[in-house]
Protein backbone atom coordinates (compact mmCIF):
# COMPACT_ATOMS: atom_id res chain seq x y z
CA MET A 1 16.57 -15.87 22.71
CA ARG A 2 16.95 -12.42 22.85
CA ILE A 3 13.88 -10.03 22.86
CA ALA A 4 13.94 -5.98 22.80
CA THR A 5 12.17 -3.43 22.08
CA TRP A 6 12.78 0.44 21.17
CA ASN A 7 10.94 3.73 20.53
CA VAL A 8 12.52 4.63 17.25
CA ASN A 9 11.15 8.09 16.63
CA SER A 10 10.45 7.76 13.60
CA VAL A 11 11.67 4.72 11.54
CA THR A 12 12.11 6.88 8.37
CA ALA A 13 14.99 9.14 10.26
CA ARG A 14 16.52 6.17 12.23
CA LEU A 15 16.64 3.57 9.59
CA PRO A 16 20.19 2.81 9.10
CA ARG A 17 20.66 3.34 12.80
CA LEU A 18 18.17 0.77 13.23
CA LEU A 19 19.58 -1.44 10.51
CA GLU A 20 23.30 -1.20 11.93
CA TRP A 21 21.48 -2.13 15.26
CA LEU A 22 19.74 -5.30 14.17
CA GLN A 23 23.21 -6.21 12.65
CA ASP A 24 25.39 -5.69 15.91
CA SER A 25 22.58 -6.81 18.52
CA ALA A 26 21.11 -9.61 16.56
CA PRO A 27 17.92 -9.61 18.67
CA ASP A 28 15.80 -12.70 17.52
CA ALA A 29 12.81 -10.42 17.85
CA LEU A 30 12.37 -6.28 18.52
CA CYS A 31 9.41 -4.56 19.18
CA VAL A 32 9.32 -1.15 17.77
CA GLN A 33 7.50 2.00 18.49
CA GLU A 34 6.65 5.32 17.14
CA THR A 35 7.52 4.46 13.79
CA LYS A 36 5.53 7.40 11.97
CA VAL A 37 4.86 5.66 8.87
CA ALA A 38 1.99 3.94 6.84
CA ASP A 39 4.37 1.44 4.99
CA PHE A 40 7.16 0.16 7.01
CA PRO A 41 10.14 -0.18 5.14
CA SER A 42 9.66 -3.90 5.01
CA ALA A 43 12.23 -5.24 2.55
CA ASP A 44 15.27 -3.55 4.52
CA VAL A 45 14.71 -5.32 7.43
CA GLU A 46 13.71 -8.51 5.41
CA SER A 47 17.19 -8.64 3.86
CA LEU A 48 18.65 -9.33 7.37
CA GLY A 49 16.48 -12.33 7.81
CA TYR A 50 13.44 -10.92 9.85
CA GLU A 51 9.54 -10.68 9.12
CA VAL A 52 7.51 -7.64 9.53
CA ALA A 53 4.08 -6.95 11.09
CA ALA A 54 3.57 -3.64 11.43
CA HIS A 55 0.25 -1.27 12.32
CA GLY A 56 0.85 2.28 11.07
CA ASP A 57 -1.36 5.22 10.09
CA GLY A 58 0.92 7.60 8.68
CA ARG A 59 2.49 10.79 10.36
CA TRP A 60 2.09 9.76 14.07
CA ASN A 61 2.17 6.92 16.27
CA GLY A 62 3.10 3.27 14.76
CA VAL A 63 4.00 -0.09 16.24
CA ALA A 64 5.87 -3.00 14.48
CA ILE A 65 7.56 -6.18 15.57
CA LEU A 66 10.56 -7.80 13.37
CA SER A 67 11.02 -11.23 14.21
CA ARG A 68 13.62 -14.16 13.03
CA VAL A 69 12.22 -16.98 14.41
CA GLY A 70 8.73 -16.74 13.12
CA LEU A 71 5.49 -14.24 12.70
CA ALA A 72 2.39 -15.86 13.73
CA ASP A 73 -1.06 -14.94 14.87
CA VAL A 74 -0.55 -11.21 14.13
CA ARG A 75 -3.27 -8.83 16.18
CA ARG A 76 -3.42 -5.23 15.67
CA GLY A 77 -5.04 -3.09 18.17
CA LEU A 78 -6.82 -3.51 21.54
CA ASP A 79 -9.99 -4.97 23.08
CA GLY A 80 -12.32 -2.45 23.57
CA GLU A 81 -9.89 0.14 22.40
CA PRO A 82 -10.85 4.08 22.88
CA GLY A 83 -9.87 6.32 19.64
CA TYR A 84 -8.74 9.52 20.30
CA ALA A 85 -9.94 12.93 18.36
CA PRO A 86 -9.52 16.86 19.93
CA ALA A 87 -12.51 18.15 21.60
CA ALA A 88 -14.29 14.63 21.12
CA SER A 89 -15.20 14.55 25.02
CA THR A 90 -15.78 15.95 28.40
CA ALA A 91 -14.54 13.27 30.30
CA THR A 92 -12.46 14.26 33.13
CA ALA A 93 -9.00 13.23 34.07
CA GLN A 94 -10.27 10.78 36.19
CA GLU A 95 -12.95 8.60 34.27
CA GLU A 96 -11.62 5.47 32.41
CA LEU A 97 -14.19 5.18 29.59
CA PRO A 98 -14.05 4.98 25.67
CA LEU A 99 -14.09 8.71 24.65
CA THR A 100 -16.76 8.93 21.75
CA THR A 101 -18.50 12.05 20.04
CA THR A 102 -21.83 12.76 19.01
CA ASP A 103 -20.76 11.49 15.34
CA GLY A 104 -19.77 8.24 16.21
CA PRO A 105 -16.55 7.29 18.01
CA PRO A 106 -13.02 8.67 17.16
CA PRO A 107 -10.65 6.60 15.01
CA ARG A 108 -8.25 4.16 17.13
CA GLU A 109 -4.89 4.86 16.51
CA ALA A 110 -1.86 2.76 15.53
CA ARG A 111 -0.72 1.64 18.81
CA ALA A 112 -0.74 -1.78 19.94
CA LEU A 113 0.36 -4.74 17.90
CA ALA A 114 0.63 -8.22 18.82
CA ALA A 115 2.19 -11.52 17.38
CA THR A 116 3.92 -15.13 18.09
CA CYS A 117 7.25 -15.16 18.08
CA GLY A 118 8.66 -18.77 18.42
CA ALA A 119 7.79 -19.77 21.89
CA VAL A 120 7.12 -16.51 23.00
CA ARG A 121 3.98 -14.21 22.63
CA LEU A 122 4.80 -10.48 22.34
CA TRP A 123 2.53 -7.20 22.60
CA SER A 124 4.29 -4.10 21.13
CA VAL A 125 2.67 -0.95 22.41
CA TYR A 126 2.95 2.75 22.22
CA VAL A 127 0.75 3.99 25.09
CA PRO A 128 -0.74 8.15 24.53
CA ASN A 129 1.36 10.42 26.14
CA GLY A 130 -1.36 12.06 27.96
CA ARG A 131 -0.12 15.80 27.27
CA GLU A 132 -1.37 17.39 31.08
CA PRO A 133 -3.50 16.14 34.05
CA GLY A 134 -6.75 17.69 33.20
CA HIS A 135 -6.45 17.20 29.50
CA GLU A 136 -8.64 15.32 27.21
CA HIS A 137 -5.86 13.46 25.89
CA TYR A 138 -4.99 12.08 29.46
CA ALA A 139 -8.61 10.86 30.14
CA TYR A 140 -7.61 8.57 26.75
CA LYS A 141 -4.76 7.57 28.30
CA LEU A 142 -6.32 5.81 31.07
CA ALA A 143 -8.97 4.49 28.78
CA TRP A 144 -6.26 3.21 26.55
CA LEU A 145 -4.10 1.51 29.36
CA ALA A 146 -7.56 0.00 30.84
CA ALA A 147 -8.37 -1.51 27.30
CA LEU A 148 -4.49 -2.79 27.40
CA ARG A 149 -4.96 -4.37 30.62
CA ASP A 150 -8.30 -6.11 29.71
CA THR A 151 -6.85 -7.12 26.30
CA VAL A 152 -3.77 -8.97 27.83
CA ALA A 153 -6.07 -10.73 30.84
CA ALA A 154 -8.07 -12.38 28.10
CA GLU A 155 -4.79 -13.58 26.55
CA LEU A 156 -2.77 -14.67 29.41
CA GLY A 157 -2.31 -18.32 29.16
CA GLU A 158 0.70 -21.23 29.97
CA SER A 159 2.39 -19.84 27.12
CA PRO A 160 5.04 -16.86 27.78
CA LEU A 161 3.86 -13.33 27.07
CA ALA A 162 5.34 -10.15 27.45
CA VAL A 163 4.32 -6.62 27.02
CA LEU A 164 7.02 -4.26 25.78
CA GLY A 165 7.04 -0.48 24.63
CA ASP A 166 6.80 2.92 25.47
CA PHE A 167 4.04 3.33 28.11
CA ASN A 168 4.93 6.96 28.67
CA VAL A 169 4.74 6.22 32.65
CA ALA A 170 7.59 6.32 34.71
CA PRO A 171 6.31 3.51 37.47
CA THR A 172 7.90 4.78 40.47
CA ASP A 173 9.50 8.21 41.51
CA ALA A 174 13.41 6.12 41.50
CA ASP A 175 12.32 6.24 37.83
CA VAL A 176 12.88 9.53 36.94
CA TRP A 177 15.78 11.96 37.18
CA ASP A 178 14.24 14.32 39.90
CA PRO A 179 10.47 13.61 41.44
CA ALA A 180 10.60 17.29 41.85
CA ALA A 181 11.08 18.09 38.10
CA PHE A 182 7.80 16.57 37.46
CA VAL A 183 5.45 17.68 39.72
CA GLY A 184 1.85 18.87 37.92
CA SER A 185 3.31 16.96 35.20
CA THR A 186 2.08 13.56 33.66
CA HIS A 187 3.87 9.87 33.28
CA VAL A 188 4.13 9.88 37.07
CA THR A 189 0.63 10.89 38.22
CA PRO A 190 -0.81 8.35 40.90
CA PRO A 191 -3.91 7.47 38.29
CA GLU A 192 -0.99 6.65 35.70
CA ARG A 193 0.80 4.15 37.92
CA LYS A 194 -2.13 2.80 39.30
CA ALA A 195 -3.22 1.58 35.56
CA LEU A 196 0.64 0.24 35.59
CA GLU A 197 -0.41 -1.34 38.65
CA ARG A 198 -3.33 -2.76 37.12
CA LEU A 199 -1.68 -3.84 34.98
CA ARG A 200 0.91 -5.73 36.72
CA ALA A 201 -1.77 -7.41 39.15
CA LEU A 202 -2.92 -9.88 36.44
CA GLY A 203 0.84 -11.41 37.42
CA LEU A 204 3.12 -9.74 35.07
CA THR A 205 6.50 -8.89 36.61
CA ASP A 206 8.29 -5.49 35.39
CA VAL A 207 11.65 -6.66 34.11
CA LEU A 208 13.90 -4.50 35.25
CA PRO A 209 16.90 -3.87 32.81
CA ARG A 210 20.85 -3.01 34.36
CA ALA A 211 21.79 0.12 33.24
CA MET A 212 25.07 0.42 31.15
CA LYS A 213 25.98 3.90 33.10
CA HIS A 214 25.06 5.30 36.25
CA ASP A 215 22.96 3.43 38.33
CA THR A 216 20.01 4.28 37.01
CA PRO A 217 18.26 2.35 33.81
CA PHE A 218 16.56 5.13 32.19
CA THR A 219 15.57 4.44 28.79
CA TYR A 220 14.17 8.15 27.77
CA TRP A 221 16.70 11.52 27.63
CA ASP A 222 14.80 14.60 26.19
CA TYR A 223 17.03 15.90 23.42
CA ARG A 224 16.81 19.46 24.86
CA ALA A 225 19.78 21.14 27.47
CA GLY A 226 22.02 18.38 26.94
CA ASN A 227 20.13 15.74 29.41
CA PHE A 228 21.22 12.75 28.09
CA HIS A 229 24.69 13.91 29.13
CA LYS A 230 23.83 14.89 32.31
CA ASN A 231 21.57 11.71 32.76
CA PHE A 232 18.55 13.48 33.39
CA GLY A 233 16.25 10.69 32.30
CA MET A 234 13.26 8.81 32.85
CA ARG A 235 12.33 4.65 32.73
CA ILE A 236 9.52 4.57 30.70
CA ASP A 237 10.28 1.86 27.99
CA LEU A 238 9.26 -0.84 30.06
CA VAL A 239 8.85 -4.88 30.00
CA TYR A 240 5.48 -6.56 31.44
CA ALA A 241 5.99 -10.23 31.57
CA SER A 242 4.05 -13.11 32.38
CA ALA A 243 5.51 -15.70 35.28
CA SER A 244 6.15 -18.21 32.51
CA PHE A 245 8.17 -15.65 30.43
CA ALA A 246 9.84 -14.22 33.89
CA ALA A 247 11.17 -17.55 34.83
CA HIS A 248 13.41 -17.79 31.91
CA VAL A 249 14.86 -14.32 31.98
CA ARG A 250 19.09 -14.58 32.17
CA ASP A 251 19.58 -10.64 31.89
CA SER A 252 18.40 -7.25 30.64
CA TYR A 253 20.12 -4.24 29.74
CA VAL A 254 19.38 -0.59 28.62
CA ASP A 255 21.74 -0.20 25.17
CA ARG A 256 22.44 3.03 25.98
CA ASP A 257 25.25 3.13 23.39
CA ALA A 258 22.28 3.48 20.60
CA ARG A 259 21.38 6.69 22.26
CA LYS A 260 24.60 8.08 21.68
CA GLY A 261 25.98 9.79 18.09
CA LYS A 262 24.80 11.77 15.32
CA GLY A 263 20.82 11.56 15.07
CA PRO A 264 19.69 8.91 17.61
CA SER A 265 16.23 8.19 18.87
CA ASP A 266 15.82 9.82 22.20
CA HIS A 267 14.91 6.26 23.63
CA ALA A 268 17.30 3.46 24.36
CA PRO A 269 16.32 0.32 23.35
CA VAL A 270 15.89 -2.17 25.91
CA VAL A 271 16.96 -5.85 25.57
CA VAL A 272 15.88 -9.14 27.50
CA ASP A 273 17.69 -12.14 27.04
CA LEU A 274 15.95 -15.55 27.67
CA ASP A 275 17.09 -18.73 27.88
CA LEU A 276 14.64 -20.89 26.08
């Protein structure tokens, strides 16, 4: 069984590349992030034999799961999921509390979607960026990761489960091209990495993919300054697997070729092959 995750950075802009990749790589299930649409172009992927579950709210965010091995028990959103609105809270960067306003809670964003695909339970997640330490969006990010942990904890059981997607956190210094270049930035701060540690502490394994070039399995390269060709990247697209999922992993790799060519996403797909 082949499972994959890919932040496509707009399914509208990347649809031809997505369809081509689905035909070439033939995943049984693909978790998609940053779709940026309210209505996923389902007919295009259904013509390739995939069912579609999507969760989108328009111009920003958005997640989906495409499956050709069944699609059941679809769930949108997290238990206790915080919402976000600018200037919505005085919460500090250290707090891990849902953000609220005097007029009620801010709207939840389309960032988490789960479905059972064949024998596995998959979560497609698009973790908030955080913007900068001390920003209210950073507090929102930590609160969102706490809600993700609680939701996954409630779902863990004997069935294989994996949380896949753009986590917007590099787990270690080895997961960025130059730690010195990220000092004072999000994605590498101790509270963010601690949030990932709490998630892994549920018994999840970080499925580390092979790199197709260089010795670094980076999954994201900024569009600017030729960063992709210089391999100035980050590993922020992750696969966190339960013990019963991880035990069947045969191979995993970053499909760096999908980041090449004209009009790519700034992320590359991560592919996981299972013996199930």
